[in-house]
């Protein structure tokens, strides 16, 4: 007995076989890549505690800033030991070859043909300084400074930039009171923050 196969059925059968073959090949590649990712031998999955260390949003009004405090004298010592190697002793002349920016000076240059963007001249809020130091400094050990050390370094940088008084103790409340020279130099973005869950 002879069975007749329609050409359209044969084409469908071949197409199905090929698609199953390619699906199996793709699955095998994905599994191989997953195994490869697991064999590098360094790093680890971030724990909730690891994430909590950097999962902060310090707002210009001080909301989100962690507890702690620091002053000018403490900040000068910490700056000298952890920051000056790159940013320079006087903060206006960073060490050549480090890629570090100047932290002070440049006031009044932003609208000139040669703007000098520093913490003193460009940054709109003190909270930005806290946040940046917390996440990225010092360059050789980012995230290693305690909150007290960060507040102290802030006090030193802002005082040397003639933004705050030497007697100012930096903390959550003080962040909101700092009036940065360029606080009005940015145009607010009126678009809604669709992906921001903060209320």
N, C-alpha and C. Protein backbone atom coordinates (compact mmCIF):
# COMPACT_ATOMS: atom_id res chain seq x y z
N UNK A 1 0.84 -1.16 0.00
CA UNK A 1 0.00 0.00 0.00
C UNK A 1 0.89 1.24 0.00
N UNK A 2 0.51 2.18 -0.72
CA UNK A 2 1.31 3.37 -0.94
C UNK A 2 0.59 4.57 -0.33
N UNK A 3 1.35 5.42 0.43
CA UNK A 3 0.76 6.62 1.02
C UNK A 3 1.24 7.81 0.21
N UNK A 4 0.31 8.65 -0.11
CA UNK A 4 0.66 9.84 -0.87
C UNK A 4 0.79 11.02 0.10
N UNK A 5 1.91 11.74 0.01
CA UNK A 5 2.13 12.91 0.87
C UNK A 5 1.99 14.15 0.01
N UNK A 6 1.17 15.04 0.47
CA UNK A 6 0.97 16.29 -0.26
C UNK A 6 2.22 17.15 -0.14
N UNK A 7 2.59 17.86 -1.20
CA UNK A 7 3.78 18.72 -1.14
C UNK A 7 3.69 19.77 -0.03
N UNK A 8 2.51 20.33 0.21
CA UNK A 8 2.39 21.35 1.26
C UNK A 8 2.64 20.75 2.64
N UNK A 9 2.22 19.51 2.85
CA UNK A 9 2.46 18.84 4.14
C UNK A 9 3.95 18.56 4.32
N UNK A 10 4.61 18.18 3.24
CA UNK A 10 6.05 17.90 3.30
C UNK A 10 6.81 19.18 3.65
N UNK A 11 6.43 20.28 3.05
CA UNK A 11 7.09 21.56 3.34
C UNK A 11 6.86 21.95 4.80
N UNK A 12 5.63 21.79 5.29
CA UNK A 12 5.34 22.11 6.69
C UNK A 12 6.14 21.22 7.63
N UNK A 13 6.26 19.95 7.27
CA UNK A 13 7.00 19.00 8.10
C UNK A 13 8.48 19.39 8.15
N UNK A 14 9.04 19.74 6.99
CA UNK A 14 10.45 20.16 6.94
C UNK A 14 10.66 21.45 7.73
N UNK A 15 9.75 22.40 7.59
CA UNK A 15 9.87 23.67 8.31
C UNK A 15 9.82 23.44 9.82
N UNK A 16 8.93 22.56 10.25
CA UNK A 16 8.82 22.26 11.68
C UNK A 16 10.09 21.60 12.19
N UNK A 17 10.63 20.68 11.42
CA UNK A 17 11.86 19.99 11.81
C UNK A 17 13.02 20.98 11.92
N UNK A 18 13.15 21.86 10.92
CA UNK A 18 14.21 22.86 10.95
C UNK A 18 14.06 23.81 12.13
N UNK A 19 12.85 24.27 12.40
CA UNK A 19 12.65 25.20 13.52
C UNK A 19 12.98 24.53 14.85
N UNK A 20 12.63 23.24 14.98
CA UNK A 20 12.97 22.51 16.21
C UNK A 20 14.49 22.36 16.34
N UNK A 21 15.17 22.12 15.20
CA UNK A 21 16.62 21.98 15.21
C UNK A 21 17.28 23.29 15.65
N UNK A 22 16.84 24.42 15.04
CA UNK A 22 17.43 25.71 15.39
C UNK A 22 17.12 26.11 16.83
N UNK A 23 15.93 25.78 17.30
CA UNK A 23 15.57 26.08 18.69
C UNK A 23 16.49 25.31 19.64
N UNK A 24 16.77 24.05 19.30
CA UNK A 24 17.66 23.24 20.13
C UNK A 24 19.08 23.81 20.11
N UNK A 25 19.52 24.28 18.94
CA UNK A 25 20.86 24.88 18.82
C UNK A 25 20.97 26.16 19.67
N UNK A 26 19.95 27.00 19.59
CA UNK A 26 19.94 28.24 20.36
C UNK A 26 19.94 27.94 21.85
N UNK A 27 19.15 26.97 22.27
CA UNK A 27 19.09 26.58 23.69
C UNK A 27 20.46 26.07 24.14
N UNK A 28 21.13 25.30 23.30
CA UNK A 28 22.46 24.77 23.64
C UNK A 28 23.46 25.91 23.79
N UNK A 29 23.38 26.93 22.91
CA UNK A 29 24.27 28.08 23.00
C UNK A 29 24.03 28.86 24.29
N UNK A 30 22.78 29.06 24.64
CA UNK A 30 22.44 29.79 25.88
C UNK A 30 22.98 29.05 27.09
N UNK A 31 22.82 27.74 27.12
CA UNK A 31 23.32 26.94 28.24
C UNK A 31 24.84 27.01 28.30
N UNK A 32 25.50 26.97 27.13
CA UNK A 32 26.96 27.07 27.10
C UNK A 32 27.42 28.43 27.62
N UNK A 33 26.72 29.51 27.22
CA UNK A 33 27.07 30.84 27.70
C UNK A 33 26.87 30.95 29.21
N UNK A 34 25.80 30.38 29.72
CA UNK A 34 25.54 30.41 31.16
C UNK A 34 26.64 29.68 31.92
N UNK A 35 27.08 28.56 31.39
CA UNK A 35 28.17 27.83 32.05
C UNK A 35 29.45 28.64 31.99
N UNK A 36 29.70 29.29 30.85
CA UNK A 36 30.89 30.10 30.69
C UNK A 36 30.90 31.25 31.69
N UNK A 37 29.75 31.91 31.88
CA UNK A 37 29.66 33.02 32.83
C UNK A 37 30.00 32.58 34.24
N UNK A 38 29.71 31.35 34.57
CA UNK A 38 29.94 30.86 35.92
C UNK A 38 31.37 30.42 36.16
N UNK A 39 32.22 30.45 35.13
CA UNK A 39 33.57 29.93 35.28
C UNK A 39 34.66 30.99 35.35
N UNK A 40 34.28 32.29 35.42
CA UNK A 40 35.31 33.32 35.47
C UNK A 40 36.09 33.29 36.78
N UNK A 41 35.48 32.88 37.87
CA UNK A 41 36.21 32.71 39.12
C UNK A 41 36.43 33.97 39.93
N UNK A 42 35.72 35.04 39.64
CA UNK A 42 35.83 36.23 40.49
C UNK A 42 34.48 36.91 40.58
N UNK A 43 34.36 37.77 41.58
CA UNK A 43 33.10 38.48 41.79
C UNK A 43 32.10 37.62 42.54
N UNK A 44 31.02 38.25 42.94
CA UNK A 44 29.96 37.54 43.64
C UNK A 44 28.66 38.30 43.44
N UNK A 45 27.57 37.63 43.66
CA UNK A 45 26.28 38.28 43.58
C UNK A 45 26.16 39.27 44.73
N UNK A 46 25.71 40.47 44.43
CA UNK A 46 25.56 41.50 45.47
C UNK A 46 24.47 41.09 46.47
N UNK A 47 24.81 41.18 47.74
CA UNK A 47 23.84 40.88 48.79
C UNK A 47 22.99 42.11 49.06
N UNK A 48 21.94 41.93 49.82
CA UNK A 48 21.09 43.07 50.19
C UNK A 48 21.92 44.11 50.96
N UNK A 49 22.85 43.64 51.79
CA UNK A 49 23.70 44.56 52.56
C UNK A 49 24.63 45.35 51.64
N UNK A 50 25.18 44.67 50.61
CA UNK A 50 26.05 45.36 49.64
C UNK A 50 25.28 46.46 48.93
N UNK A 51 24.08 46.14 48.50
CA UNK A 51 23.26 47.10 47.76
C UNK A 51 22.85 48.26 48.66
N UNK A 52 22.52 47.97 49.92
CA UNK A 52 22.09 49.02 50.85
C UNK A 52 23.17 50.08 51.05
N UNK A 53 24.45 49.69 50.95
CA UNK A 53 25.54 50.64 51.13
C UNK A 53 25.53 51.76 50.09
N UNK A 54 25.08 51.45 48.89
CA UNK A 54 25.11 52.44 47.82
C UNK A 54 23.73 52.86 47.33
N UNK A 55 22.70 52.23 47.84
CA UNK A 55 21.35 52.54 47.39
C UNK A 55 20.79 53.73 48.17
N UNK A 56 21.33 54.90 47.86
CA UNK A 56 20.90 56.11 48.55
C UNK A 56 20.58 57.18 47.52
N UNK A 57 19.70 58.04 47.86
CA UNK A 57 19.37 59.21 47.05
C UNK A 57 19.35 60.41 47.99
N UNK A 58 20.42 61.16 48.01
CA UNK A 58 20.47 62.34 48.86
C UNK A 58 19.92 63.51 48.07
N UNK A 59 18.81 64.05 48.54
CA UNK A 59 18.13 65.13 47.85
C UNK A 59 18.67 66.50 48.31
N UNK A 60 18.49 67.53 47.50
CA UNK A 60 18.97 68.86 47.87
C UNK A 60 18.47 69.37 49.22
N UNK A 61 17.29 68.90 49.64
CA UNK A 61 16.76 69.33 50.94
C UNK A 61 17.22 68.44 52.08
N UNK A 62 18.15 67.53 51.81
CA UNK A 62 18.72 66.66 52.85
C UNK A 62 18.03 65.33 53.01
N UNK A 63 16.84 65.17 52.42
CA UNK A 63 16.16 63.88 52.52
C UNK A 63 17.06 62.78 51.93
N UNK A 64 17.08 61.66 52.61
CA UNK A 64 17.87 60.53 52.13
C UNK A 64 19.30 60.52 52.61
N UNK A 65 19.77 61.61 53.18
CA UNK A 65 21.15 61.64 53.67
C UNK A 65 21.25 60.79 54.94
N UNK A 66 22.28 59.96 55.03
CA UNK A 66 22.41 59.12 56.20
C UNK A 66 22.87 59.90 57.42
N UNK A 67 22.69 59.32 58.61
CA UNK A 67 23.16 60.00 59.81
C UNK A 67 24.67 60.15 59.81
N UNK A 68 25.14 61.13 60.52
CA UNK A 68 26.57 61.38 60.63
C UNK A 68 26.85 62.86 60.62
N UNK A 69 28.11 63.21 60.84
CA UNK A 69 28.50 64.62 60.82
C UNK A 69 30.01 64.73 60.71
N UNK A 70 30.46 65.90 60.28
CA UNK A 70 31.89 66.15 60.18
C UNK A 70 32.15 67.64 60.09
N UNK A 71 33.38 68.03 60.47
CA UNK A 71 33.73 69.45 60.46
C UNK A 71 34.99 69.71 59.64
N UNK A 72 35.33 70.97 59.53
CA UNK A 72 36.46 71.41 58.72
C UNK A 72 37.77 70.75 59.14
N UNK A 73 38.08 70.79 60.42
CA UNK A 73 39.37 70.26 60.90
C UNK A 73 39.51 68.77 60.60
N UNK A 74 38.44 68.01 60.85
CA UNK A 74 38.47 66.58 60.54
C UNK A 74 38.61 66.38 59.03
N UNK A 75 37.86 67.18 58.29
CA UNK A 75 37.88 67.07 56.84
C UNK A 75 39.23 67.35 56.23
N UNK A 76 39.96 68.31 56.79
CA UNK A 76 41.29 68.64 56.28
C UNK A 76 42.22 67.45 56.41
N UNK A 77 42.17 66.77 57.54
CA UNK A 77 43.03 65.58 57.76
C UNK A 77 42.66 64.46 56.78
N UNK A 78 41.37 64.21 56.63
CA UNK A 78 40.91 63.14 55.74
C UNK A 78 41.23 63.48 54.29
N UNK A 79 40.99 64.73 53.90
CA UNK A 79 41.28 65.17 52.54
C UNK A 79 42.76 64.97 52.24
N UNK A 80 43.62 65.37 53.17
CA UNK A 80 45.06 65.25 52.96
C UNK A 80 45.47 63.80 52.75
N UNK A 81 44.87 62.89 53.51
CA UNK A 81 45.28 61.48 53.40
C UNK A 81 44.58 60.71 52.28
N UNK A 82 43.36 61.10 51.90
CA UNK A 82 42.60 60.30 50.93
C UNK A 82 42.29 60.97 49.61
N UNK A 83 42.47 62.29 49.52
CA UNK A 83 42.00 63.02 48.33
C UNK A 83 43.09 63.84 47.64
N UNK A 84 44.00 64.39 48.42
CA UNK A 84 44.98 65.34 47.89
C UNK A 84 45.91 64.74 46.84
N UNK A 85 46.18 63.45 46.91
CA UNK A 85 47.09 62.84 45.94
C UNK A 85 46.60 63.04 44.51
N UNK A 86 45.29 63.09 44.33
CA UNK A 86 44.74 63.31 42.98
C UNK A 86 44.26 64.75 42.77
N UNK A 87 43.50 65.27 43.72
CA UNK A 87 42.88 66.59 43.55
C UNK A 87 43.80 67.75 43.92
N UNK A 88 44.97 67.45 44.48
CA UNK A 88 45.94 68.48 44.85
C UNK A 88 45.68 69.03 46.23
N UNK A 89 46.72 69.50 46.84
CA UNK A 89 46.64 70.03 48.21
C UNK A 89 45.68 71.21 48.28
N UNK A 90 45.77 72.13 47.31
CA UNK A 90 44.93 73.33 47.38
C UNK A 90 43.59 73.17 46.65
N UNK A 91 43.33 72.01 46.06
CA UNK A 91 42.07 71.69 45.36
C UNK A 91 41.90 72.43 44.04
N UNK A 92 42.71 73.42 43.76
CA UNK A 92 42.57 74.20 42.52
C UNK A 92 43.47 73.65 41.41
N UNK A 93 44.52 72.93 41.81
CA UNK A 93 45.47 72.38 40.83
C UNK A 93 45.64 70.89 41.09
N UNK A 94 44.84 70.05 40.40
CA UNK A 94 44.95 68.61 40.60
C UNK A 94 46.30 68.07 40.11
N UNK A 95 46.66 66.92 40.61
CA UNK A 95 47.91 66.28 40.22
C UNK A 95 47.82 65.85 38.76
N UNK A 96 48.81 66.26 37.98
CA UNK A 96 48.82 65.95 36.55
C UNK A 96 48.87 64.44 36.35
N UNK A 97 48.13 63.99 35.34
CA UNK A 97 48.15 62.58 34.99
C UNK A 97 47.15 61.72 35.74
N UNK A 98 46.47 62.30 36.73
CA UNK A 98 45.50 61.51 37.49
C UNK A 98 44.10 61.57 36.89
N UNK A 99 43.84 62.59 36.09
CA UNK A 99 42.50 62.76 35.54
C UNK A 99 41.52 63.40 36.50
N UNK A 100 41.99 63.71 37.71
CA UNK A 100 41.12 64.32 38.72
C UNK A 100 40.84 65.78 38.37
N UNK A 101 39.61 66.23 38.61
CA UNK A 101 39.29 67.63 38.35
C UNK A 101 39.65 68.52 39.54
N UNK A 102 39.76 69.80 39.27
CA UNK A 102 39.90 70.78 40.35
C UNK A 102 38.57 70.81 41.10
N UNK A 103 38.62 71.06 42.40
CA UNK A 103 37.40 71.10 43.21
C UNK A 103 36.98 72.51 43.57
N UNK A 104 37.91 73.46 43.50
CA UNK A 104 37.55 74.83 43.83
C UNK A 104 38.09 75.78 42.78
N UNK A 105 37.55 77.02 42.83
CA UNK A 105 37.92 78.02 41.83
C UNK A 105 36.91 78.02 40.70
N UNK A 106 37.11 78.89 39.76
CA UNK A 106 36.27 78.94 38.57
C UNK A 106 34.99 79.73 38.67
N UNK A 107 34.74 80.32 39.82
CA UNK A 107 33.50 81.10 39.96
C UNK A 107 33.47 82.23 38.95
N UNK A 108 32.35 82.38 38.27
CA UNK A 108 32.21 83.45 37.28
C UNK A 108 32.73 83.08 35.90
N UNK A 109 33.25 81.87 35.71
CA UNK A 109 33.81 81.49 34.41
C UNK A 109 32.85 80.70 33.52
N UNK A 110 31.73 80.28 34.06
CA UNK A 110 30.85 79.37 33.31
C UNK A 110 30.29 79.97 32.03
N UNK A 111 30.11 81.27 32.00
CA UNK A 111 29.59 81.90 30.78
C UNK A 111 30.71 82.50 29.93
N UNK A 112 31.94 82.26 30.34
CA UNK A 112 33.08 82.77 29.57
C UNK A 112 33.42 81.75 28.48
N UNK A 113 34.39 82.09 27.69
CA UNK A 113 34.84 81.18 26.64
C UNK A 113 35.69 80.06 27.19
N UNK A 114 36.05 80.14 28.46
CA UNK A 114 36.91 79.14 29.08
C UNK A 114 36.37 78.78 30.46
N UNK A 115 35.23 78.08 30.51
CA UNK A 115 34.63 77.76 31.81
C UNK A 115 35.46 76.77 32.60
N UNK A 116 35.50 76.98 33.90
CA UNK A 116 36.20 76.05 34.79
C UNK A 116 35.13 75.46 35.71
N UNK A 117 34.78 74.21 35.45
CA UNK A 117 33.72 73.54 36.22
C UNK A 117 34.31 72.85 37.44
N UNK A 118 33.97 73.36 38.60
CA UNK A 118 34.42 72.77 39.86
C UNK A 118 33.22 72.63 40.80
N UNK A 119 33.45 72.03 41.94
CA UNK A 119 32.39 71.95 42.96
C UNK A 119 31.94 73.37 43.30
N UNK A 120 32.90 74.25 43.46
CA UNK A 120 32.60 75.64 43.83
C UNK A 120 31.82 76.38 42.75
N UNK A 121 32.21 76.22 41.49
CA UNK A 121 31.63 77.05 40.44
C UNK A 121 30.43 76.44 39.73
N UNK A 122 30.35 75.11 39.69
CA UNK A 122 29.37 74.48 38.81
C UNK A 122 28.27 73.69 39.52
N UNK A 123 28.63 72.95 40.53
CA UNK A 123 27.67 72.04 41.16
C UNK A 123 26.53 72.81 41.81
N UNK A 124 25.28 72.40 41.58
CA UNK A 124 24.14 73.18 42.08
C UNK A 124 23.76 72.91 43.53
N UNK A 125 24.08 71.71 44.03
CA UNK A 125 23.64 71.34 45.39
C UNK A 125 24.74 70.62 46.16
N UNK A 126 24.78 70.84 47.45
CA UNK A 126 25.74 70.14 48.31
C UNK A 126 25.44 68.64 48.34
N UNK A 127 24.18 68.28 48.16
CA UNK A 127 23.81 66.86 48.18
C UNK A 127 24.52 66.09 47.06
N UNK A 128 24.79 66.74 45.95
CA UNK A 128 25.50 66.11 44.84
C UNK A 128 26.91 65.75 45.27
N UNK A 129 27.53 66.61 46.04
CA UNK A 129 28.88 66.35 46.54
C UNK A 129 28.89 65.14 47.46
N UNK A 130 27.93 65.08 48.39
CA UNK A 130 27.86 63.92 49.29
C UNK A 130 27.70 62.65 48.47
N UNK A 131 26.76 62.66 47.57
CA UNK A 131 26.44 61.48 46.77
C UNK A 131 27.64 61.01 45.96
N UNK A 132 28.34 61.95 45.33
CA UNK A 132 29.48 61.58 44.49
C UNK A 132 30.62 60.99 45.33
N UNK A 133 30.92 61.62 46.44
CA UNK A 133 31.98 61.09 47.30
C UNK A 133 31.60 59.69 47.81
N UNK A 134 30.36 59.55 48.23
CA UNK A 134 29.87 58.27 48.78
C UNK A 134 30.04 57.13 47.78
N UNK A 135 29.71 57.38 46.53
CA UNK A 135 29.73 56.32 45.52
C UNK A 135 31.09 56.11 44.86
N UNK A 136 31.85 57.19 44.66
CA UNK A 136 33.00 57.09 43.77
C UNK A 136 34.37 57.41 44.36
N UNK A 137 34.43 57.86 45.57
CA UNK A 137 35.71 58.30 46.12
C UNK A 137 36.09 57.50 47.37
N UNK A 138 37.39 57.42 47.68
CA UNK A 138 38.51 57.84 46.85
C UNK A 138 38.65 56.91 45.64
N UNK A 139 39.34 57.39 44.64
CA UNK A 139 39.42 56.68 43.36
C UNK A 139 39.92 55.25 43.52
N UNK A 140 40.87 55.04 44.42
CA UNK A 140 41.45 53.70 44.60
C UNK A 140 40.62 52.80 45.51
N UNK A 141 39.61 53.34 46.17
CA UNK A 141 38.76 52.53 47.07
C UNK A 141 37.36 53.15 47.16
N UNK A 142 36.65 53.21 46.06
CA UNK A 142 35.34 53.86 46.08
C UNK A 142 34.37 53.21 47.06
N UNK A 143 33.62 54.06 47.74
CA UNK A 143 32.64 53.55 48.70
C UNK A 143 33.21 53.17 50.04
N UNK A 144 34.49 53.43 50.26
CA UNK A 144 35.13 52.99 51.51
C UNK A 144 35.07 54.01 52.64
N UNK A 145 34.66 55.23 52.33
CA UNK A 145 34.64 56.26 53.37
C UNK A 145 33.35 56.17 54.19
N UNK A 146 33.48 56.40 55.49
CA UNK A 146 32.31 56.39 56.36
C UNK A 146 31.51 57.67 56.12
N UNK A 147 30.27 57.67 56.57
CA UNK A 147 29.44 58.88 56.43
C UNK A 147 30.07 60.07 57.14
N UNK A 148 30.63 59.83 58.33
CA UNK A 148 31.28 60.92 59.07
C UNK A 148 32.46 61.49 58.28
N UNK A 149 33.24 60.61 57.64
CA UNK A 149 34.37 61.08 56.84
C UNK A 149 33.88 61.91 55.65
N UNK A 150 32.80 61.45 55.02
CA UNK A 150 32.26 62.18 53.87
C UNK A 150 31.77 63.56 54.29
N UNK A 151 31.02 63.64 55.39
CA UNK A 151 30.55 64.94 55.87
C UNK A 151 31.73 65.86 56.19
N UNK A 152 32.79 65.30 56.77
CA UNK A 152 33.97 66.10 57.12
C UNK A 152 34.66 66.62 55.86
N UNK A 153 34.86 65.76 54.88
CA UNK A 153 35.50 66.19 53.63
C UNK A 153 34.64 67.25 52.93
N UNK A 154 33.33 67.07 52.96
CA UNK A 154 32.44 68.09 52.41
C UNK A 154 32.66 69.44 53.10
N UNK A 155 32.71 69.41 54.42
CA UNK A 155 32.91 70.65 55.19
C UNK A 155 34.21 71.33 54.76
N UNK A 156 35.25 70.53 54.57
CA UNK A 156 36.55 71.09 54.17
C UNK A 156 36.49 71.67 52.75
N UNK A 157 35.95 70.92 51.80
CA UNK A 157 35.87 71.38 50.41
C UNK A 157 35.01 72.64 50.30
N UNK A 158 33.85 72.63 50.94
CA UNK A 158 32.94 73.78 50.84
C UNK A 158 33.49 75.01 51.55
N UNK A 159 34.23 74.81 52.64
CA UNK A 159 34.84 75.95 53.32
C UNK A 159 35.96 76.54 52.48
N UNK A 160 36.80 75.68 51.92
CA UNK A 160 37.91 76.16 51.08
C UNK A 160 37.38 76.87 49.83
N UNK A 161 36.19 76.50 49.39
CA UNK A 161 35.55 77.17 48.25
C UNK A 161 34.78 78.41 48.66
N UNK A 162 34.89 78.78 49.93
CA UNK A 162 34.21 79.96 50.48
C UNK A 162 32.69 79.91 50.29
N UNK A 163 32.16 78.71 50.49
CA UNK A 163 30.72 78.50 50.38
C UNK A 163 30.08 78.42 51.75
N UNK A 164 30.79 77.84 52.70
CA UNK A 164 30.32 77.78 54.10
C UNK A 164 31.42 78.29 55.02
N UNK A 165 31.04 78.51 56.25
CA UNK A 165 31.94 78.98 57.30
C UNK A 165 32.72 77.80 57.90
N UNK A 166 33.93 78.06 58.40
CA UNK A 166 34.74 77.01 59.03
C UNK A 166 34.05 76.35 60.21
N UNK A 167 33.16 77.07 60.84
CA UNK A 167 32.49 76.53 62.03
C UNK A 167 31.32 75.61 61.69
N UNK A 168 30.91 75.58 60.43
CA UNK A 168 29.76 74.77 60.03
C UNK A 168 30.05 73.29 60.19
N UNK A 169 29.17 72.61 60.87
CA UNK A 169 29.26 71.15 60.99
C UNK A 169 28.33 70.58 59.93
N UNK A 170 28.89 69.79 59.03
CA UNK A 170 28.08 69.22 57.95
C UNK A 170 27.36 67.98 58.46
N UNK A 171 26.07 67.92 58.16
CA UNK A 171 25.22 66.77 58.49
C UNK A 171 23.98 66.85 57.60
N UNK A 172 22.99 66.03 57.89
CA UNK A 172 21.78 65.99 57.07
C UNK A 172 21.11 67.36 56.97
N UNK A 173 20.99 68.05 58.09
CA UNK A 173 20.32 69.35 58.09
C UNK A 173 21.15 70.42 57.39
N UNK A 174 22.47 70.36 57.56
CA UNK A 174 23.34 71.37 56.96
C UNK A 174 23.35 71.29 55.44
N UNK A 175 23.21 70.08 54.90
CA UNK A 175 23.19 69.91 53.43
C UNK A 175 22.12 70.81 52.81
N UNK A 176 20.96 70.83 53.41
CA UNK A 176 19.85 71.62 52.88
C UNK A 176 20.09 73.13 52.98
N UNK A 177 20.90 73.55 53.94
CA UNK A 177 21.13 74.97 54.16
C UNK A 177 22.24 75.55 53.29
N UNK A 178 23.06 74.70 52.69
CA UNK A 178 24.17 75.18 51.86
C UNK A 178 23.62 75.82 50.59
N UNK A 179 24.04 77.02 50.31
CA UNK A 179 23.63 77.73 49.09
C UNK A 179 24.81 77.73 48.12
N UNK A 180 24.79 76.81 47.19
CA UNK A 180 25.88 76.70 46.22
C UNK A 180 25.82 77.89 45.25
N UNK A 181 26.97 78.41 44.83
CA UNK A 181 26.99 79.58 43.95
C UNK A 181 26.23 79.40 42.64
N UNK A 182 26.17 78.19 42.11
CA UNK A 182 25.50 77.97 40.82
C UNK A 182 24.15 77.27 40.98
N UNK A 183 23.51 77.44 42.14
CA UNK A 183 22.24 76.74 42.38
C UNK A 183 21.14 77.14 41.40
N UNK A 184 21.24 78.34 40.84
CA UNK A 184 20.23 78.79 39.87
C UNK A 184 20.71 78.67 38.43
N UNK A 185 21.82 77.99 38.22
CA UNK A 185 22.41 77.90 36.89
C UNK A 185 21.91 76.74 36.05
N UNK A 186 20.96 75.99 36.56
CA UNK A 186 20.42 74.85 35.82
C UNK A 186 18.95 75.09 35.53
N UNK A 187 18.49 74.57 34.42
CA UNK A 187 17.08 74.70 34.04
C UNK A 187 16.37 73.45 34.51
N UNK A 188 15.32 73.59 35.32
CA UNK A 188 14.60 72.41 35.79
C UNK A 188 13.94 71.66 34.62
N UNK A 189 13.92 70.36 34.72
CA UNK A 189 13.29 69.53 33.71
C UNK A 189 11.84 69.30 34.13
N UNK A 190 10.88 69.84 33.38
CA UNK A 190 9.48 69.74 33.79
C UNK A 190 8.83 68.38 33.52
N UNK A 191 9.55 67.50 32.83
CA UNK A 191 8.94 66.20 32.52
C UNK A 191 8.74 65.39 33.79
N UNK A 192 7.65 64.64 33.86
CA UNK A 192 7.40 63.83 35.06
C UNK A 192 8.42 62.71 35.17
N UNK A 193 8.74 62.35 36.39
CA UNK A 193 9.67 61.26 36.64
C UNK A 193 8.90 59.95 36.64
N UNK A 194 8.68 59.39 35.47
CA UNK A 194 7.86 58.19 35.34
C UNK A 194 8.43 56.99 36.06
N UNK A 195 9.76 56.91 36.11
CA UNK A 195 10.38 55.71 36.66
C UNK A 195 10.87 55.91 38.09
N UNK A 196 10.54 57.03 38.68
CA UNK A 196 10.96 57.31 40.04
C UNK A 196 9.80 57.01 40.99
N UNK A 197 10.01 56.09 41.91
CA UNK A 197 8.95 55.67 42.82
C UNK A 197 8.84 56.56 44.06
N UNK A 198 9.75 57.55 44.18
CA UNK A 198 9.69 58.43 45.36
C UNK A 198 8.44 59.29 45.28
N UNK A 199 7.83 59.49 46.41
CA UNK A 199 6.61 60.32 46.45
C UNK A 199 6.95 61.67 47.05
